[in-house]
Amino acid sequence: MCILISIAVCLYSLAVLLASPFNEKARLWSSGRKRLLERLAKAVDDDDHPVWIHSASLGEYEQARPIIEKIKKERPDTKILATFFSPSGYEIRKNDPLPDYVFYLPIDTVRNARRFLRIVHPSMAIFIKYEFWYNYMIELRSNNIPFYYVSAIFRPNQYFFKPYGRWFVNRLRGASRIFVQNDESARLLDGVGIRQVEVCGDTRFDRVAAIAEQSAPVEMAEKFKGQSNLIVAGSTWGPDEALLAQLLPQLNGYKLLVAPHEISRKEDVMRTFAGFKTIAYSEIQHQDLGEYDVLVVDTIGLLNKLYKYSTLSYVGGAFKTGLHNILEAAVYGVPLFFGPQYSHFNEAVMLVQKGGAFPVNNAGDMWQVVQQFENDPDAYARVCAVCREYVAANVGACERIYQQIFMCV
């Protein structure tokens, strides 16, 4: 099975390489792995024995970050190696000063996994959420290196719980501990004989709470909002922006701040809102922002600070690509909106059930909820409280996980 996994991964790498002349992400994925193990060998000292923390992309790294911060605070001499699968994580965080080393993860072949562990000599490995790499799990187990899953979440339709996926369950059994987000995940794992499981929640709650607490004012957002109501729409894609463009003319006293998930789409976003007085963040200079209806944020790193200015928040991705991080908005205690495809996102399901978030299929759906808020300010206040209290009640996963992992180290 190890060989079959390796062949499949190599075929995937070949496909990415062939696509790289035509796709920026594919190019970064391939070029970032050139001589990767050689660069790792030069960077990591034999005596470091770092804690290796692996995230697929940027969103998972936000879950890893509270753990890294905790380790650095409590054990400042401990080295941290952060690895990424995706360019969208690595390229944004490759210069992050918090970890000691930041690299791509070599593709999951038997040879790579063995060489990686010989070079890095990690004291332990921590995988975030979904990163199930078969050959790495085997080699970690063979070398008696403890490995953990943090903020993991499991669903009945995953291959682990199908007859054809039982061969992978044995790899999961090798984990020292699996820290899951909810009771359902624990029940599913128990059903296949995996019992080294703790329900600890999601470390993203700790991360967004810390960001909200430390967030400094954003002058640009304050000037743009003025005395108006503001919709902050984050991580949007085309269908999200089309919905908001249809909604905005129906709203009185509202402005829109939109931060697309990929800033390379700036021109498409500007065209979508061409019927409004629209300006891009990169073009502000000395403009009077109070005169504009729509502000397109074509830079990275601001979104989690901008949600605090919102009257309503809209989070993109739930029409096609996958819902993005709603906790960055929920922490500020404002009603949340997103598209209809959210069932795979536990925090979205919970907030919809509690009445703090509203899935919408079109502009009309969102308009109906906004009208309810305008007619009943108390209803708006109750929804705000639901979001704020939901985040506050779930902070603390990082501390619980840290104690479980390091109490005996």
Protein backbone atom coordinates (compact mmCIF):
# COMPACT_ATOMS: atom_id res chain seq x y z
CA MET A 1 0.00 0.00 0.00
CA CYS A 2 2.91 2.36 0.73
CA ILE A 3 4.12 1.93 -2.85
CA LEU A 4 0.67 2.59 -4.29
CA ILE A 5 0.35 5.76 -2.22
CA SER A 6 3.78 6.89 -3.39
CA ILE A 7 2.90 6.25 -7.04
CA ALA A 8 -0.36 8.19 -6.69
CA VAL A 9 1.43 11.12 -5.06
CA CYS A 10 4.13 11.14 -7.75
CA LEU A 11 1.46 11.19 -10.47
CA TYR A 12 -0.19 14.12 -8.72
CA SER A 13 3.16 15.93 -8.59
CA LEU A 14 3.69 15.29 -12.30
CA ALA A 15 0.25 16.70 -13.09
CA VAL A 16 1.03 19.83 -11.07
CA LEU A 17 4.38 20.19 -12.85
CA LEU A 18 2.70 19.95 -16.26
CA ALA A 19 0.18 22.60 -15.21
CA SER A 20 2.81 24.95 -13.78
CA PRO A 21 3.45 26.94 -16.99
CA PHE A 22 -0.25 27.85 -17.07
CA ASN A 23 -1.15 28.13 -13.38
CA GLU A 24 0.56 30.32 -10.78
CA LYS A 25 -0.28 28.11 -7.82
CA ALA A 26 0.98 25.01 -9.61
CA ARG A 27 4.20 26.83 -10.48
CA LEU A 28 4.78 27.84 -6.86
CA TRP A 29 3.90 24.33 -5.62
CA SER A 30 6.50 22.76 -7.95
CA SER A 31 9.26 25.36 -7.72
CA GLY A 32 8.99 25.50 -3.93
CA ARG A 33 9.84 21.80 -3.71
CA LYS A 34 12.97 21.91 -5.85
CA ARG A 35 15.97 20.67 -3.81
CA LEU A 36 13.68 20.91 -0.80
CA LEU A 37 15.36 18.19 1.25
CA GLU A 38 18.80 19.67 0.51
CA ARG A 39 17.63 23.06 1.77
CA LEU A 40 16.15 21.47 4.86
CA ALA A 41 19.44 19.69 5.60
CA LYS A 42 21.33 22.99 5.44
CA ALA A 43 18.84 24.84 7.64
CA VAL A 44 18.05 22.41 10.47
CA ASP A 45 20.81 21.53 12.93
CA ASP A 46 21.16 17.90 13.98
CA ASP A 47 20.74 18.84 17.63
CA ASP A 48 17.58 20.94 17.19
CA HIS A 49 15.01 18.12 17.39
CA PRO A 50 12.23 20.59 16.56
CA VAL A 51 8.55 20.21 17.17
CA TRP A 52 7.27 19.70 13.64
CA ILE A 53 3.87 21.29 12.99
CA HIS A 54 2.23 20.74 9.62
CA SER A 55 -0.64 22.72 8.12
CA ALA A 56 -2.21 22.30 4.71
CA SER A 57 -2.64 25.99 4.04
CA LEU A 58 -3.18 29.40 5.60
CA GLY A 59 -6.47 28.56 7.32
CA GLU A 60 -4.99 25.54 9.08
CA TYR A 61 -1.95 27.58 10.08
CA GLU A 62 -4.29 29.92 11.93
CA GLN A 63 -5.26 26.84 13.95
CA ALA A 64 -1.61 25.93 14.48
CA ARG A 65 -0.50 29.39 15.52
CA PRO A 66 -1.94 29.35 19.08
CA ILE A 67 -0.09 26.08 19.70
CA ILE A 68 3.17 27.54 18.37
CA GLU A 69 2.75 30.67 20.49
CA LYS A 70 2.06 28.56 23.58
CA ILE A 71 5.15 26.41 23.02
CA LYS A 72 7.33 29.47 22.49
CA LYS A 73 5.99 31.08 25.64
CA GLU A 74 6.36 28.05 27.89
CA ARG A 75 9.43 26.47 26.25
CA PRO A 76 11.36 29.29 24.56
CA ASP A 77 14.34 27.08 23.73
CA THR A 78 12.21 24.64 21.74
CA LYS A 79 12.66 24.89 17.98
CA ILE A 80 9.59 24.87 15.74
CA LEU A 81 9.48 23.62 12.16
CA ALA A 82 6.32 24.67 10.31
CA THR A 83 5.53 22.98 7.01
CA PHE A 84 2.84 23.61 4.42
CA PHE A 85 1.30 21.62 1.61
CA SER A 86 -0.17 24.56 -0.30
CA PRO A 87 1.41 27.71 -1.75
CA SER A 88 -1.44 29.79 -0.37
CA GLY A 89 -0.12 29.00 3.10
CA TYR A 90 3.61 28.86 2.51
CA GLU A 91 3.95 31.97 0.34
CA ILE A 92 2.13 34.14 2.89
CA ARG A 93 3.84 32.74 6.00
CA LYS A 94 7.31 31.83 4.73
CA ASN A 95 8.81 34.84 6.51
CA ASP A 96 6.78 34.48 9.70
CA PRO A 97 9.26 35.04 12.57
CA LEU A 98 7.33 32.88 15.04
CA PRO A 99 8.50 29.41 13.86
CA ASP A 100 12.23 28.81 13.58
CA TYR A 101 11.89 27.15 10.17
CA VAL A 102 9.19 27.35 7.49
CA PHE A 103 9.21 24.97 4.51
CA TYR A 104 6.98 23.12 2.11
CA LEU A 105 6.28 19.50 3.00
CA PRO A 106 8.08 17.06 0.68
CA ILE A 107 5.54 14.95 -1.17
CA ASP A 108 4.38 11.83 0.66
CA THR A 109 6.56 9.04 -0.70
CA VAL A 110 8.35 6.39 1.34
CA ARG A 111 11.74 7.78 0.35
CA ASN A 112 10.85 11.37 1.13
CA ALA A 113 9.30 10.52 4.49
CA ARG A 114 12.40 8.58 5.57
CA ARG A 115 14.84 11.26 4.38
CA PHE A 116 12.75 14.05 5.93
CA LEU A 117 12.78 12.41 9.36
CA ARG A 118 16.51 11.63 9.14
CA ILE A 119 17.21 15.29 8.36
CA VAL A 120 14.80 16.94 10.78
CA HIS A 121 14.95 14.52 13.77
CA PRO A 122 11.67 15.95 15.14
CA SER A 123 10.87 15.42 18.80
CA MET A 124 7.22 15.10 17.81
CA ALA A 125 4.85 15.90 14.95
CA ILE A 126 1.57 17.80 15.13
CA PHE A 127 -0.78 17.66 12.15
CA ILE A 128 -3.57 20.19 11.86
CA LYS A 129 -7.14 19.13 11.06
CA TYR A 130 -7.13 17.00 7.88
CA GLU A 131 -3.49 16.29 7.04
CA PHE A 132 -3.43 12.49 6.83
CA TRP A 133 -0.16 11.58 5.09
CA TYR A 134 0.15 7.80 4.95
CA ASN A 135 3.91 7.31 4.54
CA TYR A 136 4.81 9.98 7.05
CA MET A 137 2.52 8.36 9.61
CA ILE A 138 4.19 4.98 9.06
CA GLU A 139 7.70 6.37 9.37
CA LEU A 140 6.87 8.40 12.48
CA ARG A 141 5.49 5.29 14.11
CA SER A 142 8.47 3.18 13.01
CA ASN A 143 10.88 5.72 14.52
CA ASN A 144 8.93 5.98 17.79
CA ILE A 145 8.24 9.66 17.19
CA PRO A 146 4.93 10.68 18.78
CA PHE A 147 2.47 12.37 16.45
CA TYR A 148 -0.78 14.16 17.16
CA TYR A 149 -3.78 15.54 15.34
CA VAL A 150 -5.09 18.91 16.49
CA SER A 151 -8.52 20.44 15.75
CA ALA A 152 -9.37 17.34 13.74
CA ILE A 153 -12.89 16.76 12.54
CA PHE A 154 -14.36 13.57 11.08
CA ARG A 155 -17.55 12.85 9.15
CA PRO A 156 -19.33 9.58 8.29
CA ASN A 157 -18.67 9.97 4.55
CA GLN A 158 -14.88 9.98 4.95
CA TYR A 159 -13.04 6.95 3.63
CA PHE A 160 -11.85 5.93 7.12
CA PHE A 161 -15.39 4.79 7.84
CA LYS A 162 -16.00 2.93 4.58
CA PRO A 163 -15.12 -0.75 4.05
CA TYR A 164 -12.44 0.21 1.52
CA GLY A 165 -10.80 2.64 3.95
CA ARG A 166 -10.11 0.36 6.86
CA TRP A 167 -6.49 -0.10 5.76
CA PHE A 168 -5.92 3.59 6.58
CA VAL A 169 -7.50 3.25 10.02
CA ASN A 170 -4.42 1.31 11.16
CA ARG A 171 -2.32 4.38 10.44
CA LEU A 172 -4.60 6.55 12.53
CA ARG A 173 -4.26 4.07 15.37
CA GLY A 174 -0.58 4.96 15.45
CA ALA A 175 -1.31 8.53 16.55
CA SER A 176 -0.36 9.28 20.13
CA ARG A 177 -3.47 11.42 20.57
CA ILE A 178 -6.17 12.83 18.32
CA PHE A 179 -7.73 16.07 19.53
CA VAL A 180 -11.09 16.47 17.80
CA GLN A 181 -13.49 19.37 17.53
CA ASN A 182 -16.74 17.64 18.45
CA ASP A 183 -18.42 14.60 19.97
CA GLU A 184 -19.46 13.17 16.60
CA SER A 185 -15.81 12.88 15.55
CA ALA A 186 -15.00 11.04 18.78
CA ARG A 187 -17.91 8.62 18.24
CA LEU A 188 -16.85 7.88 14.67
CA LEU A 189 -13.28 7.12 15.73
CA ASP A 190 -14.49 4.97 18.61
CA GLY A 191 -16.55 2.99 16.11
CA VAL A 192 -13.40 1.92 14.28
CA GLY A 193 -11.46 1.15 17.45
CA ILE A 194 -9.55 4.41 17.86
CA ARG A 195 -9.87 5.53 21.45
CA GLN A 196 -6.86 7.78 22.10
CA VAL A 197 -9.17 10.70 21.42
CA GLU A 198 -9.96 13.92 23.30
CA VAL A 199 -12.76 16.36 22.45
CA CYS A 200 -10.95 19.69 22.86
CA GLY A 201 -12.61 21.98 20.33
CA ASP A 202 -11.00 24.18 17.71
CA THR A 203 -7.86 26.25 18.36
CA ARG A 204 -9.10 28.87 15.89
CA PHE A 205 -11.29 30.22 18.69
CA ASP A 206 -8.15 31.01 20.65
CA ARG A 207 -6.58 32.60 17.61
CA VAL A 208 -9.48 34.90 16.71
CA ALA A 209 -9.97 35.91 20.34
CA ALA A 210 -6.30 36.92 20.56
CA ILE A 211 -6.50 38.88 17.30
CA ALA A 212 -9.62 40.73 18.46
CA GLU A 213 -8.03 41.58 21.79
CA GLN A 214 -4.84 42.89 20.20
CA SER A 215 -6.39 44.53 17.15
CA ALA A 216 -5.33 48.14 16.58
CA PRO A 217 -7.59 50.69 14.85
CA VAL A 218 -7.58 50.69 11.04
CA GLU A 219 -7.80 54.33 10.02
CA MET A 220 -8.78 53.52 6.44
CA ALA A 221 -11.84 51.55 7.60
CA GLU A 222 -12.89 54.24 10.06
CA LYS A 223 -12.77 56.94 7.38
CA PHE A 224 -14.62 54.80 4.86
CA LYS A 225 -17.39 53.79 7.26
CA GLY A 226 -17.99 57.22 8.78
CA GLN A 227 -21.53 57.26 10.18
CA SER A 228 -22.84 54.63 7.77
CA ASN A 229 -23.73 51.01 8.40
CA LEU A 230 -21.14 48.70 6.91
CA ILE A 231 -21.14 45.23 5.40
CA VAL A 232 -17.68 43.68 5.56
CA ALA A 233 -17.48 40.85 3.03
CA GLY A 234 -14.39 38.69 3.41
CA SER A 235 -12.76 35.97 1.31
CA THR A 236 -15.28 36.43 -1.47
CA TRP A 237 -15.56 34.85 -4.90
CA GLY A 238 -17.62 35.75 -7.97
CA PRO A 239 -21.00 34.40 -6.79
CA ASP A 240 -20.63 36.16 -3.44
CA GLU A 241 -19.81 39.47 -5.09
CA ALA A 242 -22.70 39.13 -7.56
CA LEU A 243 -25.11 38.62 -4.65
CA LEU A 244 -23.77 41.68 -2.81
CA ALA A 245 -23.95 43.83 -5.95
CA GLN A 246 -27.64 42.93 -6.26
CA LEU A 247 -28.27 43.58 -2.57
CA LEU A 248 -26.54 46.92 -2.10
CA PRO A 249 -29.04 49.11 -4.05
CA GLN A 250 -31.83 47.88 -1.75
CA LEU A 251 -30.06 49.07 1.40
CA ASN A 252 -30.29 52.58 2.78
CA GLY A 253 -27.35 53.95 4.70
CA TYR A 254 -25.05 51.00 4.01
CA LYS A 255 -21.60 50.81 2.51
CA LEU A 256 -19.70 47.69 1.43
CA LEU A 257 -16.10 46.74 2.14
CA VAL A 258 -15.16 43.65 0.14
CA ALA A 259 -11.93 41.65 0.48
CA PRO A 260 -11.72 38.98 -2.25
CA HIS A 261 -10.08 35.69 -1.36
CA GLU A 262 -7.58 36.17 -4.17
CA ILE A 263 -6.40 39.74 -4.60
CA SER A 264 -5.39 38.90 -8.17
CA ARG A 265 -9.13 39.07 -8.94
CA LYS A 266 -9.21 42.78 -8.18
CA GLU A 267 -10.19 43.85 -11.69
CA ASP A 268 -13.07 41.35 -11.82
CA VAL A 269 -14.34 42.63 -8.47
CA MET A 270 -14.07 46.25 -9.59
CA ARG A 271 -16.12 45.43 -12.69
CA THR A 272 -18.81 43.73 -10.59
CA PHE A 273 -19.26 46.93 -8.59
CA ALA A 274 -18.79 49.34 -11.50
CA GLY A 275 -22.33 50.64 -11.00
CA PHE A 276 -21.34 52.06 -7.60
CA LYS A 277 -18.78 54.62 -6.57
CA THR A 278 -15.98 52.12 -5.97
CA ILE A 279 -12.33 52.45 -5.03
CA ALA A 280 -9.53 49.93 -4.40
CA TYR A 281 -7.40 50.05 -1.29
CA SER A 282 -4.25 50.37 -3.41
CA GLU A 283 -5.63 53.49 -5.07
CA ILE A 284 -6.70 55.41 -1.98
CA GLN A 285 -3.78 57.84 -1.69
CA HIS A 286 -5.37 61.16 -0.68
CA GLN A 287 -8.92 60.34 -1.71
CA ASP A 288 -11.87 61.24 0.53
CA LEU A 289 -13.09 57.73 1.39
CA GLY A 290 -16.33 59.06 2.78
CA GLU A 291 -17.51 59.74 -0.77
CA TYR A 292 -17.34 56.08 -1.85
CA ASP A 293 -19.92 53.28 -1.59
CA VAL A 294 -17.64 50.28 -2.11
CA LEU A 295 -14.05 49.72 -1.00
CA VAL A 296 -12.19 46.75 -2.51
CA VAL A 297 -9.34 45.58 -0.27
CA ASP A 298 -6.66 44.34 -2.66
CA THR A 299 -4.04 43.52 -0.04
CA ILE A 300 -3.56 40.72 2.48
CA GLY A 301 -3.35 40.74 6.25
CA LEU A 302 -6.12 43.23 7.04
CA LEU A 303 -9.33 41.22 6.92
CA ASN A 304 -9.32 39.90 10.48
CA LYS A 305 -8.98 43.49 11.71
CA LEU A 306 -11.67 44.88 9.41
CA TYR A 307 -14.56 42.72 10.60
CA LYS A 308 -14.75 44.74 13.81
CA TYR A 309 -16.10 47.69 11.81
CA SER A 310 -18.97 45.67 10.37
CA THR A 311 -22.65 46.08 11.05
CA LEU A 312 -23.17 42.83 9.15
CA SER A 313 -20.50 40.39 8.03
CA TYR A 314 -20.54 38.23 4.92
CA VAL A 315 -18.04 35.38 4.52
CA GLY A 316 -17.40 34.01 1.06
CA GLY A 317 -16.83 30.60 -0.46
CA ALA A 318 -20.06 28.79 0.40
CA PHE A 319 -21.40 28.80 -3.14
CA LYS A 320 -18.66 26.69 -4.68
CA THR A 321 -15.11 26.68 -3.32
CA GLY A 322 -15.78 26.04 0.39
CA LEU A 323 -16.74 28.41 3.19
CA HIS A 324 -13.86 30.44 4.58
CA ASN A 325 -13.17 31.37 8.20
CA ILE A 326 -16.33 32.73 9.84
CA LEU A 327 -14.82 32.94 13.34
CA GLU A 328 -12.75 35.98 12.37
CA ALA A 329 -16.06 37.80 12.01
CA ALA A 330 -18.06 36.08 14.75
CA VAL A 331 -15.61 37.16 17.45
CA TYR A 332 -16.75 40.76 16.98
CA GLY A 333 -20.37 39.88 17.72
CA VAL A 334 -22.14 40.74 14.46
CA PRO A 335 -24.65 38.73 12.38
CA LEU A 336 -23.04 36.48 9.80
CA PHE A 337 -24.14 35.65 6.27
CA PHE A 338 -22.76 33.12 3.80
CA GLY A 339 -23.86 30.94 0.90
CA PRO A 340 -25.82 27.66 1.13
CA GLN A 341 -22.99 25.10 1.12
CA TYR A 342 -21.80 25.19 4.71
CA SER A 343 -22.69 21.75 6.14
CA HIS A 344 -19.03 20.60 6.31
CA PHE A 345 -18.09 23.48 8.60
CA ASN A 346 -18.91 22.74 12.22
CA GLU A 347 -18.81 26.33 13.46
CA ALA A 348 -21.15 27.44 10.67
CA VAL A 349 -23.62 24.64 11.45
CA MET A 350 -23.57 25.52 15.14
CA LEU A 351 -24.07 29.25 14.59
CA VAL A 352 -26.94 28.66 12.16
CA GLN A 353 -28.59 26.40 14.74
CA LYS A 354 -28.10 29.02 17.45
CA GLY A 355 -29.46 31.82 15.27
CA GLY A 356 -26.26 33.81 14.89
CA ALA A 357 -25.61 33.04 11.22
CA PHE A 358 -27.80 33.00 8.11
CA PRO A 359 -27.17 30.94 4.97
CA VAL A 360 -28.51 32.70 1.87
CA ASN A 361 -29.14 31.57 -1.69
CA ASN A 362 -29.54 35.01 -3.20
CA ALA A 363 -29.77 38.72 -2.45
CA GLY A 364 -33.47 38.40 -1.62
CA ASP A 365 -32.76 35.98 1.21
CA MET A 366 -30.25 38.34 2.77
CA TRP A 367 -32.52 41.35 2.28
CA GLN A 368 -35.30 39.66 4.25
CA VAL A 369 -33.04 39.16 7.27
CA VAL A 370 -31.68 42.71 7.07
CA GLN A 371 -35.25 44.03 7.01
CA GLN A 372 -36.02 42.06 10.18
CA PHE A 373 -33.07 43.70 11.91
CA GLU A 374 -34.15 47.16 10.78
CA ASN A 375 -37.68 46.57 12.06
CA ASP A 376 -36.57 44.99 15.33
CA PRO A 377 -33.29 46.34 16.80
CA ASP A 378 -33.65 43.97 19.74
CA ALA A 379 -33.51 41.01 17.35
CA TYR A 380 -30.27 42.40 15.91
CA ALA A 381 -28.81 42.75 19.42
CA ARG A 382 -29.76 39.15 20.28
CA VAL A 383 -28.03 37.82 17.17
CA CYS A 384 -24.90 39.82 17.99
CA ALA A 385 -24.88 38.34 21.49
CA VAL A 386 -25.21 34.80 20.13
CA CYS A 387 -22.08 35.19 18.01
CA ARG A 388 -20.07 36.86 20.73
CA GLU A 389 -21.03 34.30 23.37
CA TYR A 390 -20.43 31.34 21.04
CA VAL A 391 -16.81 32.34 20.50
CA ALA A 392 -16.23 33.15 24.18
CA ALA A 393 -17.61 29.76 25.25
CA ASN A 394 -15.20 27.87 22.98
CA VAL A 395 -11.93 29.59 23.82
CA GLY A 396 -9.41 27.40 25.63
CA ALA A 397 -8.68 24.48 23.27
CA CYS A 398 -5.04 25.47 22.98
CA GLU A 399 -4.40 25.25 26.72
CA ARG A 400 -6.12 21.85 26.98
CA ILE A 401 -4.15 20.45 24.05
CA TYR A 402 -0.83 21.83 25.30
CA GLN A 403 -1.32 20.22 28.70
CA GLN A 404 -2.16 16.85 27.14
CA ILE A 405 0.87 16.86 24.83
CA PHE A 406 3.54 18.37 27.04
CA MET A 407 2.57 17.42 30.58
CA CYS A 408 4.65 14.24 30.36
CA VAL A 409 7.44 15.54 28.12
